[in-house]
């Protein structure tokens, strides 16, 4: 037992240089990890915008197919809810409290192609003059989401 206590007493702790090296390494790891996490969060919000746009397009296609909506018309998101093809206006992923702006719309042309202009608090898909089509959204993915 005395040998064991003697061995514990002889052990030295970490030196200041070793402790400083550990702190520097942790700082480097944090400097790399924090921006990466920020990009992951930003990309997930863009993916949510794309998913919401595709959901709204599919709801519009359902409405046109079931004759709840007419081809060749322009509909606001509230129109889709009132027609019963969309349960509620999706939440804006960039805002904790609001859904998409009132000026957002979907448009069905006579050929059955649907395009969308979706605008949130910080980002948009398409423009008022040139709404995005489903093919463009599928091709570009999160790259179709633009900052306002």
C-alpha atoms as a PDB file:
ATOM      1  CA  UNK A   1       0.000   0.000   0.000  1.00  0.00           C
ATOM      2  CA  UNK A   2       2.878   2.365   0.826  1.00  0.00           C
ATOM      3  CA  UNK A   3       4.420   1.649  -2.556  1.00  0.00           C
ATOM      4  CA  UNK A   4       1.173   2.597  -4.277  1.00  0.00           C
ATOM      5  CA  UNK A   5       0.895   5.920  -2.429  1.00  0.00           C
ATOM      6  CA  UNK A   6       4.542   6.636  -3.180  1.00  0.00           C
ATOM      7  CA  UNK A   7       3.968   5.985  -6.866  1.00  0.00           C
ATOM      8  CA  UNK A   8       0.971   8.385  -6.875  1.00  0.00           C
ATOM      9  CA  UNK A   9       3.053  11.108  -5.239  1.00  0.00           C
ATOM     10  CA  UNK A  10       5.810  10.798  -7.844  1.00  0.00           C
ATOM     11  CA  UNK A  11       3.496  11.297 -10.820  1.00  0.00           C
ATOM     12  CA  UNK A  12       3.695  14.774 -12.258  1.00  0.00           C
ATOM     13  CA  UNK A  13       0.659  16.588 -13.666  1.00  0.00           C
ATOM     14  CA  UNK A  14       0.324  18.210 -17.056  1.00  0.00           C
ATOM     15  CA  UNK A  15       2.721  20.997 -17.776  1.00  0.00           C
ATOM     16  CA  UNK A  16       1.549  24.381 -18.886  1.00  0.00           C
ATOM     17  CA  UNK A  17       2.906  23.761 -22.386  1.00  0.00           C
ATOM     18  CA  UNK A  18       0.918  20.528 -22.715  1.00  0.00           C
ATOM     19  CA  UNK A  19      -2.227  22.261 -21.502  1.00  0.00           C
ATOM     20  CA  UNK A  20      -1.662  25.112 -23.955  1.00  0.00           C
ATOM     21  CA  UNK A  21      -1.207  22.626 -26.814  1.00  0.00           C
ATOM     22  CA  UNK A  22      -4.546  20.980 -25.961  1.00  0.00           C
ATOM     23  CA  UNK A  23      -6.315  24.360 -25.885  1.00  0.00           C
ATOM     24  CA  UNK A  24      -4.833  25.333 -29.275  1.00  0.00           C
ATOM     25  CA  UNK A  25      -5.928  22.017 -30.824  1.00  0.00           C
ATOM     26  CA  UNK A  26      -9.462  22.443 -29.457  1.00  0.00           C
ATOM     27  CA  UNK A  27      -9.560  25.978 -30.863  1.00  0.00           C
ATOM     28  CA  UNK A  28      -8.560  24.747 -34.313  1.00  0.00           C
ATOM     29  CA  UNK A  29     -11.227  22.035 -34.241  1.00  0.00           C
ATOM     30  CA  UNK A  30     -13.868  24.575 -33.168  1.00  0.00           C
ATOM     31  CA  UNK A  31     -12.806  26.989 -35.925  1.00  0.00           C
ATOM     32  CA  UNK A  32     -13.367  24.257 -38.492  1.00  0.00           C
ATOM     33  CA  UNK A  33     -16.580  22.811 -37.040  1.00  0.00           C
ATOM     34  CA  UNK A  34     -18.629  25.968 -36.388  1.00  0.00           C
ATOM     35  CA  UNK A  35     -18.816  27.201 -40.028  1.00  0.00           C
ATOM     36  CA  UNK A  36     -19.564  23.670 -41.214  1.00  0.00           C
ATOM     37  CA  UNK A  37     -22.514  23.408 -38.848  1.00  0.00           C
ATOM     38  CA  UNK A  38     -23.766  26.796 -40.057  1.00  0.00           C
ATOM     39  CA  UNK A  39     -23.708  25.555 -43.665  1.00  0.00           C
ATOM     40  CA  UNK A  40     -25.560  22.387 -42.708  1.00  0.00           C
ATOM     41  CA  UNK A  41     -28.334  24.417 -41.078  1.00  0.00           C
ATOM     42  CA  UNK A  42     -28.540  26.788 -44.069  1.00  0.00           C
ATOM     43  CA  UNK A  43     -28.712  23.884 -46.537  1.00  0.00           C
ATOM     44  CA  UNK A  44     -31.450  22.178 -44.521  1.00  0.00           C
ATOM     45  CA  UNK A  45     -33.542  25.375 -44.646  1.00  0.00           C
ATOM     46  CA  UNK A  46     -33.056  25.587 -48.422  1.00  0.00           C
ATOM     47  CA  UNK A  47     -34.080  21.925 -48.731  1.00  0.00           C
ATOM     48  CA  UNK A  48     -37.200  22.704 -46.697  1.00  0.00           C
ATOM     49  CA  UNK A  49     -38.087  25.522 -49.128  1.00  0.00           C
ATOM     50  CA  UNK A  50     -37.691  23.113 -52.053  1.00  0.00           C
ATOM     51  CA  UNK A  51     -39.847  20.479 -50.321  1.00  0.00           C
ATOM     52  CA  UNK A  52     -42.539  23.049 -49.586  1.00  0.00           C
ATOM     53  CA  UNK A  53     -42.514  24.217 -53.215  1.00  0.00           C
ATOM     54  CA  UNK A  54     -42.887  20.637 -54.475  1.00  0.00           C
ATOM     55  CA  UNK A  55     -45.676  20.002 -51.953  1.00  0.00           C
ATOM     56  CA  UNK A  56     -47.570  23.066 -53.186  1.00  0.00           C
ATOM     57  CA  UNK A  57     -47.033  22.079 -56.840  1.00  0.00           C
ATOM     58  CA  UNK A  58     -48.307  18.553 -56.149  1.00  0.00           C
ATOM     59  CA  UNK A  59     -51.332  19.947 -54.313  1.00  0.00           C
ATOM     60  CA  UNK A  60     -52.069  22.169 -57.315  1.00  0.00           C
ATOM     61  CA  UNK A  61     -51.749  19.201 -59.680  1.00  0.00           C
ATOM     62  CA  UNK A  62     -54.166  17.277 -57.476  1.00  0.00           C
ATOM     63  CA  UNK A  63     -56.593  20.195 -57.580  1.00  0.00           C
ATOM     64  CA  UNK A  64     -56.428  20.435 -61.373  1.00  0.00           C
ATOM     65  CA  UNK A  65     -56.816  16.660 -61.766  1.00  0.00           C
ATOM     66  CA  UNK A  66     -59.854  16.496 -59.473  1.00  0.00           C
ATOM     67  CA  UNK A  67     -61.350  19.650 -61.054  1.00  0.00           C
ATOM     68  CA  UNK A  68     -61.189  21.528 -57.745  1.00  0.00           C
ATOM     69  CA  UNK A  69     -58.972  24.015 -59.616  1.00  0.00           C
ATOM     70  CA  UNK A  70     -59.053  25.098 -63.246  1.00  0.00           C
ATOM     71  CA  UNK A  71     -56.172  24.871 -65.718  1.00  0.00           C
ATOM     72  CA  UNK A  72     -54.624  28.100 -66.885  1.00  0.00           C
ATOM     73  CA  UNK A  73     -55.303  29.993 -63.660  1.00  0.00           C
ATOM     74  CA  UNK A  74     -53.105  31.640 -61.055  1.00  0.00           C
ATOM     75  CA  UNK A  75     -53.753  30.722 -57.416  1.00  0.00           C
ATOM     76  CA  UNK A  76     -52.508  32.097 -54.124  1.00  0.00           C
ATOM     77  CA  UNK A  77     -51.647  29.688 -51.335  1.00  0.00           C
ATOM     78  CA  UNK A  78     -54.841  30.725 -49.541  1.00  0.00           C
ATOM     79  CA  UNK A  79     -56.813  29.715 -52.665  1.00  0.00           C
ATOM     80  CA  UNK A  80     -55.302  26.223 -52.443  1.00  0.00           C
ATOM     81  CA  UNK A  81     -56.312  25.942 -48.788  1.00  0.00           C
ATOM     82  CA  UNK A  82     -59.838  27.187 -49.557  1.00  0.00           C
ATOM     83  CA  UNK A  83     -60.147  24.680 -52.427  1.00  0.00           C
ATOM     84  CA  UNK A  84     -59.243  21.886 -50.001  1.00  0.00           C
ATOM     85  CA  UNK A  85     -56.147  20.681 -51.852  1.00  0.00           C
ATOM     86  CA  UNK A  86     -53.723  22.052 -49.259  1.00  0.00           C
ATOM     87  CA  UNK A  87     -54.367  21.532 -45.536  1.00  0.00           C
ATOM     88  CA  UNK A  88     -52.539  24.701 -44.501  1.00  0.00           C
ATOM     89  CA  UNK A  89     -50.000  27.137 -45.885  1.00  0.00           C
ATOM     90  CA  UNK A  90     -46.560  25.670 -45.064  1.00  0.00           C
ATOM     91  CA  UNK A  91     -44.365  27.451 -42.536  1.00  0.00           C
ATOM     92  CA  UNK A  92     -41.438  29.496 -43.795  1.00  0.00           C
ATOM     93  CA  UNK A  93     -38.278  27.604 -42.701  1.00  0.00           C
ATOM     94  CA  UNK A  94     -36.408  30.904 -42.197  1.00  0.00           C
ATOM     95  CA  UNK A  95     -38.998  32.268 -39.769  1.00  0.00           C
ATOM     96  CA  UNK A  96     -40.247  30.680 -36.561  1.00  0.00           C
ATOM     97  CA  UNK A  97     -43.510  32.599 -36.581  1.00  0.00           C
ATOM     98  CA  UNK A  98     -44.713  33.154 -40.132  1.00  0.00           C
ATOM     99  CA  UNK A  99     -45.692  31.261 -43.231  1.00  0.00           C
ATOM    100  CA  UNK A 100     -44.956  32.290 -46.795  1.00  0.00           C
ATOM    101  CA  UNK A 101     -45.797  35.784 -48.031  1.00  0.00           C
ATOM    102  CA  UNK A 102     -49.209  36.628 -49.461  1.00  0.00           C
ATOM    103  CA  UNK A 103     -47.734  37.403 -52.892  1.00  0.00           C
ATOM    104  CA  UNK A 104     -46.660  33.768 -53.331  1.00  0.00           C
ATOM    105  CA  UNK A 105     -48.609  31.953 -56.051  1.00  0.00           C
ATOM    106  CA  UNK A 106     -48.830  28.878 -58.247  1.00  0.00           C
ATOM    107  CA  UNK A 107     -49.846  28.980 -61.865  1.00  0.00           C
ATOM    108  CA  UNK A 108     -51.219  26.188 -63.982  1.00  0.00           C
ATOM    109  CA  UNK A 109     -50.943  26.576 -67.729  1.00  0.00           C
ATOM    110  CA  UNK A 110     -53.295  24.973 -70.239  1.00  0.00           C
ATOM    111  CA  UNK A 111     -50.887  22.058 -70.797  1.00  0.00           C
ATOM    112  CA  UNK A 112     -51.014  21.097 -67.123  1.00  0.00           C
ATOM    113  CA  UNK A 113     -47.528  22.425 -66.307  1.00  0.00           C
ATOM    114  CA  UNK A 114     -47.388  24.096 -62.922  1.00  0.00           C
ATOM    115  CA  UNK A 115     -44.998  26.880 -61.945  1.00  0.00           C
ATOM    116  CA  UNK A 116     -44.504  28.560 -58.589  1.00  0.00           C
ATOM    117  CA  UNK A 117     -43.347  31.814 -57.071  1.00  0.00           C
ATOM    118  CA  UNK A 118     -42.719  31.192 -53.388  1.00  0.00           C
ATOM    119  CA  UNK A 119     -41.413  33.990 -51.211  1.00  0.00           C
ATOM    120  CA  UNK A 120     -40.557  33.797 -47.553  1.00  0.00           C
ATOM    121  CA  UNK A 121     -38.986  36.136 -45.043  1.00  0.00           C
ATOM    122  CA  UNK A 122     -35.406  35.750 -46.356  1.00  0.00           C
ATOM    123  CA  UNK A 123     -35.539  33.639 -49.517  1.00  0.00           C
ATOM    124  CA  UNK A 124     -37.577  33.007 -52.633  1.00  0.00           C
ATOM    125  CA  UNK A 125     -38.091  30.431 -55.356  1.00  0.00           C
ATOM    126  CA  UNK A 126     -38.752  31.904 -58.788  1.00  0.00           C
ATOM    127  CA  UNK A 127     -39.797  35.482 -59.420  1.00  0.00           C
ATOM    128  CA  UNK A 128     -43.112  37.180 -60.004  1.00  0.00           C
ATOM    129  CA  UNK A 129     -42.201  37.557 -63.693  1.00  0.00           C
ATOM    130  CA  UNK A 130     -40.710  34.063 -64.084  1.00  0.00           C
ATOM    131  CA  UNK A 131     -42.033  31.468 -61.661  1.00  0.00           C
ATOM    132  CA  UNK A 132     -40.035  28.247 -61.282  1.00  0.00           C
ATOM    133  CA  UNK A 133     -41.330  25.034 -62.841  1.00  0.00           C
ATOM    134  CA  UNK A 134     -41.281  21.635 -61.182  1.00  0.00           C
ATOM    135  CA  UNK A 135     -38.580  20.471 -63.615  1.00  0.00           C
ATOM    136  CA  UNK A 136     -36.357  23.430 -62.689  1.00  0.00           C
ATOM    137  CA  UNK A 137     -36.836  22.709 -58.995  1.00  0.00           C
ATOM    138  CA  UNK A 138     -36.006  19.031 -59.466  1.00  0.00           C
ATOM    139  CA  UNK A 139     -32.942  19.821 -61.608  1.00  0.00           C
ATOM    140  CA  UNK A 140     -31.439  22.560 -59.445  1.00  0.00           C
ATOM    141  CA  UNK A 141     -32.503  21.368 -56.001  1.00  0.00           C
ATOM    142  CA  UNK A 142     -31.465  23.752 -53.236  1.00  0.00           C
ATOM    143  CA  UNK A 143     -29.598  25.930 -55.766  1.00  0.00           C
ATOM    144  CA  UNK A 144     -32.914  27.306 -57.020  1.00  0.00           C
ATOM    145  CA  UNK A 145     -33.518  28.980 -53.650  1.00  0.00           C
ATOM    146  CA  UNK A 146     -32.294  32.585 -53.817  1.00  0.00           C
ATOM    147  CA  UNK A 147     -31.824  35.222 -51.138  1.00  0.00           C
ATOM    148  CA  UNK A 148     -34.178  38.170 -51.367  1.00  0.00           C
END
